[in-house]
Protein backbone atom coordinates (compact mmCIF):
# COMPACT_ATOMS: atom_id res chain seq x y z
CA MET A 1 9.42 10.80 -16.46
CA THR A 2 5.86 10.83 -15.32
CA ASN A 3 3.83 13.05 -13.01
CA ILE A 4 1.73 11.27 -10.39
CA PRO A 5 -0.42 12.63 -7.54
CA TYR A 6 2.27 12.65 -4.86
CA ASN A 7 -0.30 13.14 -2.11
CA ILE A 8 -1.09 9.43 -2.56
CA ILE A 9 2.49 8.51 -1.69
CA SER A 10 2.44 10.89 1.28
CA ARG A 11 -0.79 9.30 2.49
CA LEU A 12 0.65 5.79 2.13
CA LEU A 13 3.72 6.80 4.12
CA HIS A 14 1.52 8.24 6.86
CA GLU A 15 -0.95 5.33 6.96
CA ARG A 16 1.80 2.74 7.13
CA LYS A 17 3.92 4.74 9.55
CA ILE A 18 6.94 4.73 7.25
CA SER A 19 9.38 7.58 7.62
CA LYS A 20 10.43 9.59 4.60
CA THR A 21 14.03 8.73 5.43
CA ASP A 22 13.33 4.98 5.39
CA PHE A 23 11.40 5.25 2.13
CA ALA A 24 14.11 7.37 0.51
CA ASN A 25 16.72 4.82 1.61
CA HIS A 26 14.64 2.02 0.09
CA LEU A 27 14.47 3.91 -3.21
CA GLY A 28 18.20 4.63 -3.03
CA ILE A 29 17.71 8.39 -3.18
CA ALA A 30 18.42 11.32 -0.91
CA ARG A 31 15.64 12.46 1.38
CA SER A 32 15.77 15.86 -0.34
CA THR A 33 15.02 14.15 -3.66
CA LEU A 34 12.03 12.41 -2.08
CA ASN A 35 10.83 15.76 -0.75
CA ASP A 36 11.16 17.18 -4.27
CA TYR A 37 9.00 14.29 -5.55
CA LEU A 38 6.39 14.80 -2.86
CA LYS A 39 6.19 18.54 -3.54
CA GLY A 40 5.95 17.97 -7.30
CA ARG A 41 9.21 19.80 -8.02
CA THR A 42 10.81 16.70 -9.54
CA LEU A 43 9.12 14.00 -11.60
CA MET A 44 9.62 10.33 -10.85
CA THR A 45 10.97 8.06 -13.53
CA THR A 46 8.87 5.12 -14.65
CA ASP A 47 11.26 2.74 -12.88
CA ARG A 48 10.96 4.73 -9.65
CA ILE A 49 7.14 4.64 -9.89
CA GLN A 50 7.19 0.87 -10.36
CA GLN A 51 9.60 0.52 -7.44
CA THR A 52 7.25 2.65 -5.30
CA ALA A 53 4.19 0.59 -6.24
CA LYS A 54 6.03 -2.61 -5.37
CA PHE A 55 7.22 -1.18 -2.06
CA PHE A 56 3.66 -0.30 -1.01
CA ASN A 57 2.16 -3.42 -2.59
CA VAL A 58 -0.22 -1.38 -4.73
CA THR A 59 -0.66 -1.06 -8.47
CA VAL A 60 0.84 1.71 -10.53
CA GLY A 61 -2.75 2.66 -11.36
CA TYR A 62 -3.39 3.20 -7.66
CA LEU A 63 -0.46 5.62 -7.45
CA PHE A 64 -1.99 7.56 -10.34
CA GLY A 65 -5.35 7.72 -8.58
CA GLU A 66 -6.97 5.47 -11.19
CA GLU A 67 -7.84 2.77 -8.67
CA THR A 68 -8.98 3.03 -5.10
CA TYR A 69 -8.83 0.74 -2.13
CA ASN A 70 -11.40 1.49 0.51
CA ILE A 71 -10.00 0.41 3.87
CA ASN A 72 -13.51 -0.18 5.22
CA ASP A 73 -14.27 -2.60 2.37
CA ILE A 74 -10.99 -4.39 2.96
CA ASN A 75 -11.67 -4.70 6.69
CA LYS A 76 -15.19 -5.96 6.02
CA THR A 77 -13.85 -8.62 3.64
CA LEU A 78 -11.20 -9.68 6.16
CA ASN A 79 -13.81 -9.93 8.91
CA ASN A 80 -16.02 -12.07 6.66
CA HIS A 81 -13.10 -14.38 5.91
CA GLN A 82 -12.24 -14.63 9.59
CA GLN A 83 -15.84 -15.55 10.39
CA GLN A 84 -15.76 -18.27 7.73
CA ILE A 85 -12.49 -19.61 9.15
CA ASN A 86 -13.99 -19.70 12.63
CA GLU A 87 -17.06 -21.56 11.34
CA LEU A 88 -14.81 -24.09 9.60
CA LYS A 89 -12.84 -24.63 12.80
CA ILE A 90 -16.06 -25.33 14.70
CA PHE A 91 -17.20 -27.73 11.97
CA ILE A 92 -13.88 -29.56 12.03
CA GLU A 93 -14.04 -29.90 15.82
CA GLN A 94 -17.58 -31.28 15.56
CA ILE A 95 -16.42 -33.88 13.06
CA LYS A 96 -13.44 -34.83 15.24
CA ASN A 97 -15.71 -35.31 18.26
CA LYS A 98 -18.10 -37.71 16.51
C-alpha cells in the first residue's frame, strides 16, 4: 500500500465533474472506502493507484505530485494546434481553387 496526496484525486474529481459515487463504482469500491482514501484514513493499493491514474488519463507520478500539468499551457498548445489546422485548411482550399 502506498500513500499519495489525495487532494490531487479530489481536485481531479472536481475539475472533471465526476461524482465520488461514480468514481467509487468505477474502482469497484464502496463510497465510504473512497472517502477513507480521500481523507487519508486508508491507503490505496498499488493496483488501485494504477487504476486511478488510468481512469483520469494521468501518470502515477502525477497522482504523487511528482509531475504537473498546467491547464493554461495545455490550452495554449491546443490553441496553437488549432491555428495551424486552420492555416492548413486555408492552404488546401487555395490549392484546390488554382
